[in-house]
């Protein structure tokens, strides 16, 4: 199965760079445990594909609106930015 993802690099507030991945996914049940397991699996898959990932998040539609699950700072950033354009697809 192919999953859309965005792999981006942005300047951090501390002055360095941060690499992050956002995955378009349908949560398994929507529970935090299931979301965490899915995000863990997708992040490891991206890393094993050679991508550097410092933080990651899921982006999914729930009750007609986009929600994010993942690293606290990245979720806050995405809540302001919205879903970025997909840059990659990974096989899972």
N, C-alpha and C. Protein backbone atom coordinates (compact mmCIF):
# COMPACT_ATOMS: atom_id res chain seq x y z
N UNK A 1 0.85 -1.16 0.00
CA UNK A 1 0.00 0.00 0.00
C UNK A 1 0.90 1.24 0.00
N UNK A 2 0.55 2.24 -0.80
CA UNK A 2 1.33 3.48 -0.88
C UNK A 2 0.69 4.54 0.02
N UNK A 3 1.55 5.23 0.75
CA UNK A 3 1.13 6.31 1.65
C UNK A 3 1.77 7.60 1.17
N UNK A 4 0.96 8.65 1.02
CA UNK A 4 1.50 9.97 0.70
C UNK A 4 2.20 10.55 1.92
N UNK A 5 3.30 11.24 1.66
CA UNK A 5 3.99 11.90 2.76
C UNK A 5 4.65 13.17 2.25
N UNK A 6 4.86 14.08 3.17
CA UNK A 6 5.63 15.29 2.89
C UNK A 6 6.89 15.22 3.75
N UNK A 7 8.04 15.40 3.14
CA UNK A 7 9.31 15.42 3.86
C UNK A 7 9.89 16.81 3.67
N UNK A 8 9.94 17.57 4.75
CA UNK A 8 10.32 18.98 4.68
C UNK A 8 11.45 19.29 5.64
N UNK A 9 12.13 20.38 5.36
CA UNK A 9 13.22 20.86 6.22
C UNK A 9 12.99 22.34 6.44
N UNK A 10 12.91 22.73 7.70
CA UNK A 10 12.65 24.12 8.06
C UNK A 10 13.64 24.57 9.12
N UNK A 11 13.85 25.86 9.20
CA UNK A 11 14.69 26.45 10.24
C UNK A 11 13.96 26.32 11.58
N UNK A 12 14.67 25.86 12.59
CA UNK A 12 14.05 25.73 13.92
C UNK A 12 14.17 27.06 14.67
N UNK A 13 13.43 27.17 15.74
CA UNK A 13 13.48 28.39 16.55
C UNK A 13 14.82 28.56 17.24
N UNK A 14 15.58 27.47 17.39
CA UNK A 14 16.90 27.55 18.03
C UNK A 14 18.01 27.88 17.02
N UNK A 15 17.65 28.01 15.75
CA UNK A 15 18.61 28.40 14.74
C UNK A 15 19.12 27.28 13.85
N UNK A 16 18.95 26.04 14.26
CA UNK A 16 19.38 24.91 13.42
C UNK A 16 18.29 24.54 12.41
N UNK A 17 18.41 23.37 11.88
CA UNK A 17 17.42 22.86 10.92
C UNK A 17 16.70 21.67 11.52
N UNK A 18 15.46 21.49 11.12
CA UNK A 18 14.68 20.33 11.56
C UNK A 18 14.06 19.68 10.32
N UNK A 19 14.20 18.37 10.25
CA UNK A 19 13.63 17.58 9.17
C UNK A 19 12.38 16.89 9.71
N UNK A 20 11.28 17.04 8.99
CA UNK A 20 10.07 16.40 9.48
C UNK A 20 9.28 15.75 8.36
N UNK A 21 8.47 14.78 8.77
CA UNK A 21 7.63 14.03 7.84
C UNK A 21 6.19 14.08 8.31
N UNK A 22 5.30 14.30 7.36
CA UNK A 22 3.86 14.26 7.62
C UNK A 22 3.29 13.18 6.72
N UNK A 23 2.53 12.29 7.29
CA UNK A 23 1.97 11.16 6.56
C UNK A 23 0.47 11.31 6.43
N UNK A 24 -0.04 11.08 5.22
CA UNK A 24 -1.49 11.07 5.00
C UNK A 24 -1.96 9.66 5.32
N UNK A 25 -2.72 9.53 6.38
CA UNK A 25 -3.10 8.19 6.81
C UNK A 25 -4.50 8.18 7.38
N UNK A 26 -5.09 7.00 7.31
CA UNK A 26 -6.36 6.77 7.97
C UNK A 26 -6.04 6.04 9.26
N UNK A 27 -6.29 6.66 10.42
CA UNK A 27 -5.98 5.98 11.67
C UNK A 27 -6.73 4.66 11.78
N UNK A 28 -6.10 3.71 12.41
CA UNK A 28 -6.69 2.38 12.52
C UNK A 28 -7.99 2.42 13.32
N UNK A 29 -7.98 3.00 14.49
CA UNK A 29 -9.21 3.15 15.26
C UNK A 29 -9.38 4.58 15.75
N UNK A 30 -8.34 5.37 15.61
CA UNK A 30 -8.38 6.74 16.11
C UNK A 30 -7.91 6.87 17.54
N UNK A 31 -7.58 5.75 18.21
CA UNK A 31 -7.09 5.85 19.58
C UNK A 31 -5.65 6.34 19.56
N UNK A 32 -5.21 6.97 20.64
CA UNK A 32 -3.83 7.45 20.73
C UNK A 32 -2.84 6.31 20.58
N UNK A 33 -3.15 5.16 21.14
CA UNK A 33 -2.26 4.02 21.04
C UNK A 33 -2.10 3.57 19.59
N UNK A 34 -3.22 3.44 18.88
CA UNK A 34 -3.16 3.02 17.48
C UNK A 34 -2.47 4.07 16.61
N UNK A 35 -2.79 5.35 16.85
CA UNK A 35 -2.13 6.42 16.10
C UNK A 35 -0.63 6.40 16.35
N UNK A 36 -0.23 6.20 17.60
CA UNK A 36 1.18 6.14 17.94
C UNK A 36 1.90 4.99 17.25
N UNK A 37 1.27 3.82 17.23
CA UNK A 37 1.87 2.66 16.56
C UNK A 37 1.99 2.89 15.05
N UNK A 38 0.95 3.46 14.45
CA UNK A 38 0.98 3.74 13.01
C UNK A 38 2.07 4.76 12.69
N UNK A 39 2.15 5.83 13.48
CA UNK A 39 3.16 6.86 13.25
C UNK A 39 4.56 6.29 13.43
N UNK A 40 4.76 5.46 14.42
CA UNK A 40 6.05 4.80 14.66
C UNK A 40 6.46 3.98 13.44
N UNK A 41 5.53 3.17 12.93
CA UNK A 41 5.82 2.31 11.77
C UNK A 41 6.15 3.13 10.53
N UNK A 42 5.35 4.17 10.26
CA UNK A 42 5.58 5.00 9.08
C UNK A 42 6.89 5.78 9.19
N UNK A 43 7.19 6.29 10.37
CA UNK A 43 8.44 7.03 10.57
C UNK A 43 9.65 6.12 10.37
N UNK A 44 9.61 4.92 10.92
CA UNK A 44 10.70 3.97 10.72
C UNK A 44 10.85 3.59 9.26
N UNK A 45 9.74 3.44 8.56
CA UNK A 45 9.77 3.12 7.14
C UNK A 45 10.45 4.24 6.36
N UNK A 46 10.10 5.50 6.67
CA UNK A 46 10.72 6.65 6.00
C UNK A 46 12.22 6.70 6.29
N UNK A 47 12.60 6.47 7.52
CA UNK A 47 14.02 6.49 7.89
C UNK A 47 14.79 5.38 7.19
N UNK A 48 14.20 4.20 7.11
CA UNK A 48 14.89 3.09 6.44
C UNK A 48 14.95 3.29 4.93
N UNK A 49 14.16 4.22 4.41
CA UNK A 49 14.24 4.59 2.99
C UNK A 49 15.29 5.65 2.74
N UNK A 50 15.99 6.07 3.80
CA UNK A 50 17.08 7.02 3.66
C UNK A 50 16.72 8.46 3.99
N UNK A 51 15.51 8.72 4.45
CA UNK A 51 15.10 10.08 4.79
C UNK A 51 15.44 10.39 6.25
N UNK A 52 15.93 11.59 6.49
CA UNK A 52 16.20 12.02 7.86
C UNK A 52 14.89 12.58 8.43
N UNK A 53 14.47 12.07 9.57
CA UNK A 53 13.22 12.50 10.20
C UNK A 53 13.50 12.79 11.67
N UNK A 54 13.42 14.08 12.05
CA UNK A 54 13.57 14.47 13.45
C UNK A 54 12.23 14.44 14.17
N UNK A 55 11.17 14.84 13.48
CA UNK A 55 9.82 14.83 14.04
C UNK A 55 8.86 14.36 12.96
N UNK A 56 7.73 13.78 13.39
CA UNK A 56 6.76 13.29 12.42
C UNK A 56 5.34 13.44 12.95
N UNK A 57 4.39 13.39 12.02
CA UNK A 57 2.98 13.52 12.38
C UNK A 57 2.11 12.84 11.33
N UNK A 58 0.93 12.44 11.77
CA UNK A 58 -0.11 11.95 10.86
C UNK A 58 -1.03 13.11 10.54
N UNK A 59 -1.53 13.15 9.33
CA UNK A 59 -2.59 14.08 8.94
C UNK A 59 -3.74 13.23 8.44
N UNK A 60 -4.92 13.42 9.00
CA UNK A 60 -6.07 12.62 8.60
C UNK A 60 -7.35 13.42 8.76
N UNK A 61 -8.37 12.96 8.06
CA UNK A 61 -9.67 13.62 8.11
C UNK A 61 -10.55 12.89 9.12
N UNK A 62 -11.14 13.65 10.03
CA UNK A 62 -12.05 13.09 11.04
C UNK A 62 -13.23 14.04 11.18
N UNK A 63 -14.41 13.50 11.02
CA UNK A 63 -15.64 14.30 11.09
C UNK A 63 -15.58 15.52 10.16
N UNK A 64 -15.02 15.32 8.98
CA UNK A 64 -15.00 16.37 7.98
C UNK A 64 -13.91 17.42 8.13
N UNK A 65 -13.01 17.26 9.08
CA UNK A 65 -11.94 18.24 9.23
C UNK A 65 -10.59 17.54 9.37
N UNK A 66 -9.54 18.26 9.04
CA UNK A 66 -8.19 17.70 9.13
C UNK A 66 -7.71 17.76 10.58
N UNK A 67 -7.16 16.64 11.03
CA UNK A 67 -6.56 16.57 12.37
C UNK A 67 -5.14 16.06 12.22
N UNK A 68 -4.33 16.39 13.21
CA UNK A 68 -2.94 15.96 13.23
C UNK A 68 -2.67 15.20 14.52
N UNK A 69 -1.77 14.24 14.42
CA UNK A 69 -1.32 13.49 15.58
C UNK A 69 0.18 13.30 15.44
N UNK A 70 0.93 13.60 16.49
CA UNK A 70 2.37 13.37 16.44
C UNK A 70 3.12 14.26 17.40
N UNK A 71 4.33 14.62 17.01
CA UNK A 71 5.20 15.46 17.83
C UNK A 71 4.48 16.77 18.16
N UNK A 72 4.49 17.13 19.44
CA UNK A 72 3.72 18.29 19.92
C UNK A 72 4.04 19.57 19.14
N UNK A 73 5.32 19.90 18.99
CA UNK A 73 5.69 21.13 18.29
C UNK A 73 5.33 21.07 16.82
N UNK A 74 5.47 19.92 16.19
CA UNK A 74 5.12 19.78 14.79
C UNK A 74 3.61 19.89 14.60
N UNK A 75 2.83 19.30 15.48
CA UNK A 75 1.37 19.41 15.39
C UNK A 75 0.94 20.86 15.54
N UNK A 76 1.55 21.60 16.45
CA UNK A 76 1.23 23.02 16.61
C UNK A 76 1.57 23.80 15.34
N UNK A 77 2.71 23.51 14.75
CA UNK A 77 3.13 24.16 13.51
C UNK A 77 2.16 23.85 12.37
N UNK A 78 1.80 22.57 12.23
CA UNK A 78 0.89 22.18 11.16
C UNK A 78 -0.52 22.73 11.37
N UNK A 79 -0.93 22.91 12.61
CA UNK A 79 -2.24 23.48 12.89
C UNK A 79 -2.34 24.90 12.35
N UNK A 80 -1.22 25.62 12.34
CA UNK A 80 -1.20 26.97 11.77
C UNK A 80 -1.02 26.94 10.26
N UNK A 81 -0.16 26.03 9.78
CA UNK A 81 0.21 25.96 8.37
C UNK A 81 -0.83 25.24 7.52
N UNK A 82 -1.36 24.15 8.04
CA UNK A 82 -2.22 23.26 7.26
C UNK A 82 -1.41 22.10 6.71
N UNK A 83 -2.03 21.30 5.89
CA UNK A 83 -1.36 20.13 5.32
C UNK A 83 -0.47 20.58 4.17
N UNK A 84 0.82 20.26 4.23
CA UNK A 84 1.71 20.64 3.12
C UNK A 84 1.45 19.77 1.89
N UNK A 85 2.04 20.17 0.78
CA UNK A 85 1.93 19.38 -0.45
C UNK A 85 2.74 18.10 -0.29
N UNK A 86 2.20 16.99 -0.75
CA UNK A 86 2.88 15.70 -0.63
C UNK A 86 4.10 15.69 -1.55
N UNK A 87 5.22 15.24 -1.02
CA UNK A 87 6.47 15.24 -1.78
C UNK A 87 6.95 13.83 -2.13
N UNK A 88 6.47 12.83 -1.42
CA UNK A 88 6.92 11.45 -1.61
C UNK A 88 5.75 10.49 -1.42
N UNK A 89 5.98 9.25 -1.83
CA UNK A 89 5.11 8.14 -1.48
C UNK A 89 6.00 7.04 -0.94
N UNK A 90 5.55 6.38 0.11
CA UNK A 90 6.30 5.24 0.62
C UNK A 90 5.41 4.02 0.59
N UNK A 91 6.01 2.88 0.42
CA UNK A 91 5.29 1.61 0.43
C UNK A 91 5.32 1.04 1.83
N UNK A 92 4.17 0.57 2.28
CA UNK A 92 4.09 -0.10 3.58
C UNK A 92 3.41 -1.43 3.43
